[in-house]
Amino acid sequence: MLSRTADHLFWMSRYMERAENTARMIDVNYQTSLLPQSEAVAQLGWQGLLSISELLPAYQARYGDVTPSRVMDFMVKDESNPSSIMSCLSAARENARAVRGTLTTELWETHNQTWLEVRRMVKNGDFERDPGQFFEWVKFRSHLSRGVTVGTMLMDEALYFMRLGTFLERADNTARLLDVKFHAVQSDFFGAASEKDQEYDFYHWSAILRSVSGFEVYRKVYRDVIRPERVAELLILRPDMPRSLHASMNEVVNNLALVGKEGGGETQRRAGKLRAELQYGRIDEILATGLHAYLTQFLDRVNDIGQHISQEFLIPSGA
């Protein structure tokens, strides 16, 4: 496959996954902001949302003070922000258009219709009227895109590069969500908390689990009250949780093996090593050494794998 075609397919899927994850992150922040809390705590939540995507300096340069409505406008509608939902859906559609001949008619029409529809919704004020419903729509369109991809595309390199983009982006975004949201909880993970703190924490962790479609999964796996260390274990180490770091890296490694050289290359070695550490890791060891340090290192390594994929298979940066 031509590297330019592979590049468009890889980034088409990354941008669609990024739009979905951005919708999930804004939605969980929107839901938790409705809980009883001080203005300072709410402010930290919205700042944390910008920090997840490393956009706080860009936001402050454009909007100044952090307010909920401005942050949501910046992360949803502002096309000068490359990580906004509008920008991601536009970039996904443009990458799809560039490789129109490689995609099935159904997949192209899904991307094109998503872009046309989101423009109409934003113009008509649907987002402001019901943010929660808008975020659900973004998630639905991403689910639809993945379903149409798997259901209609030939199982060849084109599909493998799309899957690579999807799951590399998912690993990155799940790690960012975990890192920021664990910092947002004020009470000690394992310390004694007041009844009010416990009640707040329950809704906080419930919102985080729902943001990754993990609330029912958590109940099924643990059959217990929601505890932070188990939330971390579910979203980091469980290979059967679709949005976990482990499950995402399984997909990255499997698809790299399908497009890579026989015997593997440096990209496969790095991805395989990271997957092995997730496979044999323990949550108590991760928490003992520090969750923030672990997730920061994980994000660096995922970014490194992304760069190696570009160098080995796609258009080199700056080409």
Protein backbone atom coordinates (compact mmCIF):
# COMPACT_ATOMS: atom_id res chain seq x y z
CA MET A 1 0.00 0.00 0.00
CA LEU A 2 1.22 3.54 -0.77
CA SER A 3 2.44 5.30 2.36
CA ARG A 4 0.32 8.35 1.52
CA THR A 5 -2.86 6.25 1.40
CA ALA A 6 -1.94 4.50 4.65
CA ASP A 7 -1.30 7.91 6.23
CA HIS A 8 -4.77 9.22 5.31
CA LEU A 9 -6.49 6.06 6.58
CA PHE A 10 -4.52 6.07 9.83
CA TRP A 11 -5.32 9.72 10.57
CA MET A 12 -8.93 9.48 9.41
CA SER A 13 -9.53 6.91 12.14
CA ARG A 14 -7.47 8.77 14.74
CA TYR A 15 -9.45 11.96 14.22
CA MET A 16 -12.80 10.17 14.44
CA GLU A 17 -11.72 8.43 17.66
CA ARG A 18 -10.40 11.75 19.01
CA ALA A 19 -13.76 13.43 18.34
CA GLU A 20 -15.50 10.68 20.31
CA ASN A 21 -13.05 10.83 23.19
CA THR A 22 -13.26 14.62 23.34
CA ALA A 23 -17.05 14.31 23.54
CA ARG A 24 -16.67 11.74 26.34
CA MET A 25 -14.27 13.95 28.31
CA ILE A 26 -16.38 17.10 28.00
CA ASP A 27 -19.51 15.14 28.88
CA VAL A 28 -18.03 13.69 32.09
CA ASN A 29 -16.88 17.17 33.10
CA TYR A 30 -20.29 18.62 32.29
CA GLN A 31 -22.01 15.91 34.35
CA THR A 32 -19.68 16.25 37.37
CA SER A 33 -20.01 20.06 37.24
CA LEU A 34 -23.70 19.61 38.03
CA LEU A 35 -22.83 17.95 41.38
CA PRO A 36 -22.84 20.09 44.57
CA GLN A 37 -19.30 21.50 44.81
CA SER A 38 -17.44 24.73 45.41
CA GLU A 39 -16.71 27.13 42.57
CA ALA A 40 -12.97 26.51 43.01
CA VAL A 41 -13.38 22.73 42.58
CA ALA A 42 -15.57 23.25 39.49
CA GLN A 43 -12.95 25.63 38.06
CA LEU A 44 -10.22 23.02 38.56
CA GLY A 45 -12.35 20.50 36.69
CA TRP A 46 -12.61 22.72 33.60
CA GLN A 47 -8.89 23.58 33.76
CA GLY A 48 -8.15 19.87 34.00
CA LEU A 49 -10.19 19.25 30.85
CA LEU A 50 -7.96 21.68 28.93
CA SER A 51 -4.84 20.15 30.50
CA ILE A 52 -5.86 16.67 29.26
CA SER A 53 -5.31 17.82 25.67
CA GLU A 54 -2.47 20.22 26.55
CA LEU A 55 -4.60 23.14 25.37
CA LEU A 56 -4.63 25.42 28.43
CA PRO A 57 -2.11 27.98 27.01
CA ALA A 58 -3.94 28.10 23.63
CA TYR A 59 -7.28 28.56 25.39
CA GLN A 60 -6.01 31.35 27.68
CA ALA A 61 -4.43 33.19 24.77
CA ARG A 62 -7.77 33.18 22.95
CA TYR A 63 -10.39 33.40 25.71
CA GLY A 64 -8.65 34.48 28.94
CA ASP A 65 -10.46 33.28 32.07
CA VAL A 66 -11.63 29.68 32.28
CA THR A 67 -15.45 29.48 32.28
CA PRO A 68 -17.62 26.41 31.49
CA SER A 69 -19.36 27.93 28.45
CA ARG A 70 -16.12 29.22 26.91
CA VAL A 71 -14.31 25.91 27.46
CA MET A 72 -17.16 23.97 25.84
CA ASP A 73 -17.22 26.38 22.89
CA PHE A 74 -13.44 26.03 22.52
CA MET A 75 -13.53 22.21 22.71
CA VAL A 76 -16.62 21.75 20.53
CA LYS A 77 -17.03 24.54 17.95
CA ASP A 78 -13.74 26.45 17.68
CA GLU A 79 -12.11 25.37 14.42
CA SER A 80 -8.90 27.23 15.34
CA ASN A 81 -8.47 24.50 17.98
CA PRO A 82 -7.19 21.39 16.13
CA SER A 83 -8.53 19.12 18.88
CA SER A 84 -12.09 20.50 18.93
CA ILE A 85 -14.88 18.16 17.88
CA MET A 86 -15.58 20.27 14.77
CA SER A 87 -11.91 20.24 13.75
CA CYS A 88 -11.57 16.48 14.31
CA LEU A 89 -14.70 15.62 12.30
CA SER A 90 -13.57 17.97 9.52
CA ALA A 91 -10.09 16.41 9.44
CA ALA A 92 -11.56 12.87 9.46
CA ARG A 93 -13.77 13.78 6.50
CA GLU A 94 -10.93 15.42 4.55
CA ASN A 95 -8.68 12.38 5.05
CA ALA A 96 -11.56 10.14 3.95
CA ARG A 97 -12.10 12.29 0.84
CA ALA A 98 -8.42 12.00 -0.08
CA VAL A 99 -8.70 8.20 -0.20
CA ARG A 100 -12.29 8.02 -1.45
CA GLY A 101 -11.41 5.23 -3.88
CA THR A 102 -10.04 3.02 -1.09
CA LEU A 103 -13.16 3.29 1.09
CA THR A 104 -16.50 1.57 0.57
CA THR A 105 -19.39 3.83 -0.45
CA GLU A 106 -21.05 3.26 2.94
CA LEU A 107 -17.96 4.34 4.89
CA TRP A 108 -17.41 7.49 2.82
CA GLU A 109 -21.06 8.46 3.14
CA THR A 110 -20.91 7.93 6.92
CA HIS A 111 -17.99 10.36 7.28
CA ASN A 112 -19.47 12.88 4.86
CA GLN A 113 -22.91 12.80 6.48
CA THR A 114 -21.39 13.19 9.96
CA TRP A 115 -19.60 16.36 8.87
CA LEU A 116 -22.64 17.85 7.14
CA GLU A 117 -24.86 17.03 10.11
CA VAL A 118 -22.52 18.44 12.78
CA ARG A 119 -22.29 21.73 10.88
CA ARG A 120 -26.06 21.94 10.76
CA MET A 121 -26.42 21.09 14.47
CA VAL A 122 -23.89 23.69 15.59
CA LYS A 123 -25.39 26.36 13.32
CA ASN A 124 -28.90 25.67 14.67
CA GLY A 125 -27.77 25.83 18.30
CA ASP A 126 -28.52 22.15 19.07
CA PHE A 127 -25.31 21.92 21.11
CA GLU A 128 -26.23 24.83 23.43
CA ARG A 129 -29.80 23.58 23.89
CA ASP A 130 -28.77 20.10 25.06
CA PRO A 131 -25.00 19.47 25.40
CA GLY A 132 -25.52 15.94 26.75
CA GLN A 133 -27.60 14.92 23.73
CA PHE A 134 -25.01 16.44 21.36
CA PHE A 135 -22.18 14.45 22.98
CA GLU A 136 -24.23 11.25 22.70
CA TRP A 137 -24.71 11.99 18.99
CA VAL A 138 -20.93 12.38 18.48
CA LYS A 139 -20.31 9.05 20.23
CA PHE A 140 -23.03 7.38 18.14
CA ARG A 141 -21.50 8.63 14.86
CA SER A 142 -18.09 7.31 15.91
CA HIS A 143 -19.61 3.93 16.79
CA LEU A 144 -21.37 3.94 13.42
CA SER A 145 -18.13 4.70 11.60
CA ARG A 146 -16.31 1.81 13.30
CA GLY A 147 -19.21 -0.56 12.67
CA VAL A 148 -19.42 0.35 8.98
CA THR A 149 -15.62 0.01 8.69
CA VAL A 150 -15.56 -3.51 10.11
CA GLY A 151 -18.79 -4.51 8.37
CA THR A 152 -17.95 -3.36 4.83
CA MET A 153 -14.17 -2.97 4.35
CA LEU A 154 -12.04 -5.78 2.93
CA MET A 155 -9.83 -7.30 5.62
CA ASP A 156 -6.57 -6.03 4.16
CA GLU A 157 -3.93 -3.42 4.96
CA ALA A 158 -6.38 -0.53 4.60
CA LEU A 159 -8.49 -1.91 7.45
CA TYR A 160 -5.43 -2.66 9.59
CA PHE A 161 -4.12 0.91 9.33
CA MET A 162 -7.55 2.27 10.27
CA ARG A 163 -7.66 -0.02 13.32
CA LEU A 164 -4.12 1.04 14.25
CA GLY A 165 -5.15 4.70 14.26
CA THR A 166 -8.30 4.03 16.28
CA PHE A 167 -6.67 2.08 19.10
CA LEU A 168 -3.49 4.13 19.38
CA GLU A 169 -5.68 7.22 19.81
CA ARG A 170 -7.91 5.39 22.30
CA ALA A 171 -4.92 4.34 24.45
CA ASP A 172 -3.69 7.94 24.51
CA ASN A 173 -7.07 9.43 25.43
CA THR A 174 -7.95 6.88 28.14
CA ALA A 175 -4.60 7.52 29.82
CA ARG A 176 -5.16 11.30 29.71
CA LEU A 177 -8.66 10.99 31.17
CA LEU A 178 -7.44 8.75 33.99
CA ASP A 179 -4.52 11.00 34.83
CA VAL A 180 -6.51 14.21 35.14
CA LYS A 181 -9.61 12.74 36.79
CA PHE A 182 -7.66 10.88 39.48
CA HIS A 183 -6.01 14.17 40.38
CA ALA A 184 -9.41 15.86 40.61
CA VAL A 185 -10.58 13.76 43.56
CA GLN A 186 -9.70 15.54 46.78
CA SER A 187 -10.14 12.73 49.33
CA ASP A 188 -7.36 10.18 49.78
CA PHE A 189 -7.85 7.00 47.72
CA PHE A 190 -7.53 4.75 50.71
CA GLY A 191 -8.08 7.08 53.63
CA ALA A 192 -11.20 7.48 55.71
CA ALA A 193 -13.57 9.91 54.02
CA SER A 194 -16.64 11.62 55.43
CA GLU A 195 -20.08 10.40 54.36
CA LYS A 196 -20.44 13.51 52.17
CA ASP A 197 -17.04 12.83 50.54
CA GLN A 198 -18.00 9.20 49.91
CA GLU A 199 -21.26 10.29 48.29
CA TYR A 200 -19.44 12.83 46.09
CA ASP A 201 -16.78 10.25 45.18
CA PHE A 202 -19.45 7.73 44.18
CA TYR A 203 -20.98 10.15 41.67
CA HIS A 204 -17.54 11.31 40.53
CA TRP A 205 -16.29 7.77 39.83
CA SER A 206 -19.66 6.80 38.32
CA ALA A 207 -19.35 9.70 35.88
CA ILE A 208 -15.80 8.68 34.95
CA LEU A 209 -16.86 5.06 34.38
CA ARG A 210 -19.83 6.19 32.28
CA SER A 211 -17.51 8.39 30.20
CA VAL A 212 -15.72 5.25 29.01
CA SER A 213 -18.92 3.13 28.91
CA GLY A 214 -17.60 1.22 31.91
CA PHE A 215 -20.22 1.61 34.66
CA GLU A 216 -22.14 -1.60 33.93
CA VAL A 217 -18.86 -3.39 33.18
CA TYR A 218 -17.49 -2.38 36.60
CA ARG A 219 -20.62 -3.68 38.34
CA LYS A 220 -20.40 -6.98 36.48
CA VAL A 221 -16.68 -7.50 37.14
CA TYR A 222 -16.36 -6.33 40.76
CA ARG A 223 -19.93 -6.50 42.20
CA ASP A 224 -18.90 -3.97 44.84
CA VAL A 225 -18.96 -0.28 45.68
CA ILE A 226 -16.92 1.85 43.30
CA ARG A 227 -13.34 2.09 44.57
CA PRO A 228 -10.66 4.21 42.88
CA GLU A 229 -8.01 1.48 42.77
CA ARG A 230 -10.47 -0.86 41.03
CA VAL A 231 -11.47 1.86 38.56
CA ALA A 232 -7.75 2.23 37.77
CA GLU A 233 -7.32 -1.52 37.40
CA LEU A 234 -10.35 -1.78 35.08
CA LEU A 235 -9.19 1.06 32.82
CA ILE A 236 -5.50 0.15 32.78
CA LEU A 237 -4.99 -3.60 33.12
CA ARG A 238 -8.20 -5.44 32.16
CA PRO A 239 -7.80 -6.91 28.64
CA ASP A 240 -11.56 -7.57 28.41
CA MET A 241 -12.53 -3.91 28.99
CA PRO A 242 -12.78 -2.43 25.44
CA ARG A 243 -11.45 1.03 26.31
CA SER A 244 -8.68 -0.04 28.72
CA LEU A 245 -5.01 0.61 28.02
CA HIS A 246 -4.35 -3.14 27.87
CA ALA A 247 -7.15 -3.84 25.37
CA SER A 248 -6.08 -0.88 23.21
CA MET A 249 -2.44 -2.02 23.13
CA ASN A 250 -3.54 -5.58 22.28
CA GLU A 251 -5.20 -4.17 19.15
CA VAL A 252 -2.19 -1.99 18.30
CA VAL A 253 0.20 -4.96 18.55
CA ASN A 254 -2.10 -7.30 16.59
CA ASN A 255 -2.59 -4.82 13.73
CA LEU A 256 1.11 -3.91 13.64
CA ALA A 257 1.87 -7.60 13.16
CA LEU A 258 -0.51 -7.66 10.17
CA VAL A 259 1.11 -4.69 8.39
CA GLY A 260 4.71 -5.11 9.61
CA LYS A 261 7.62 -7.10 8.33
CA GLU A 262 7.85 -10.79 9.15
CA GLY A 263 9.93 -11.16 12.28
CA GLY A 264 8.90 -7.68 13.46
CA GLY A 265 10.61 -4.31 13.45
CA GLU A 266 11.46 -1.67 16.02
CA THR A 267 7.86 -0.37 16.12
CA GLN A 268 6.53 -3.86 16.89
CA ARG A 269 9.19 -4.40 19.53
CA ARG A 270 8.29 -1.21 21.41
CA ALA A 271 4.55 -1.82 21.20
CA GLY A 272 4.99 -5.46 22.25
CA LYS A 273 7.11 -4.47 25.24
CA LEU A 274 4.49 -1.94 26.41
CA ARG A 275 1.71 -4.53 25.95
CA ALA A 276 3.69 -7.13 27.93
CA GLU A 277 4.08 -4.73 30.86
CA LEU A 278 0.30 -4.20 30.89
CA GLN A 279 -0.30 -7.93 30.59
CA TYR A 280 1.83 -8.81 33.61
CA GLY A 281 1.41 -5.60 35.62
CA ARG A 282 -0.37 -5.32 38.98
CA ILE A 283 -2.41 -2.32 40.06
CA ASP A 284 -0.92 -2.24 43.58
CA GLU A 285 2.58 -1.91 42.07
CA ILE A 286 1.43 0.87 39.75
CA LEU A 287 -0.24 2.80 42.59
CA ALA A 288 2.76 2.26 44.88
CA THR A 289 5.13 3.84 42.35
CA GLY A 290 2.67 6.65 41.53
CA LEU A 291 -0.22 6.66 39.07
CA HIS A 292 0.62 10.08 37.60
CA ALA A 293 4.23 9.06 36.88
CA TYR A 294 3.06 5.78 35.35
CA LEU A 295 0.48 7.42 33.06
CA THR A 296 2.89 10.20 32.02
CA GLN A 297 5.43 7.57 31.00
CA PHE A 298 2.72 5.57 29.21
CA LEU A 299 1.69 8.65 27.18
CA ASP A 300 5.32 9.31 26.23
CA ARG A 301 5.69 5.72 25.04
CA VAL A 302 2.43 5.78 23.04
CA ASN A 303 3.58 9.01 21.38
CA ASP A 304 6.92 7.34 20.62
CA ILE A 305 5.14 4.35 19.04
CA GLY A 306 3.06 6.77 16.94
CA GLN A 307 6.24 8.45 15.67
CA HIS A 308 7.79 5.09 14.80
CA ILE A 309 4.62 4.07 12.91
CA SER A 310 4.93 7.30 10.90
CA GLN A 311 8.61 6.70 10.13
CA GLU A 312 8.18 3.05 9.21
CA PHE A 313 4.86 3.01 7.34
CA LEU A 314 3.49 6.51 6.70
CA ILE A 315 4.64 9.83 5.25
CA PRO A 316 7.61 11.04 7.34
CA SER A 317 6.92 14.21 9.34
CA GLY A 318 7.58 17.31 7.25
CA ALA A 319 7.32 15.42 3.97
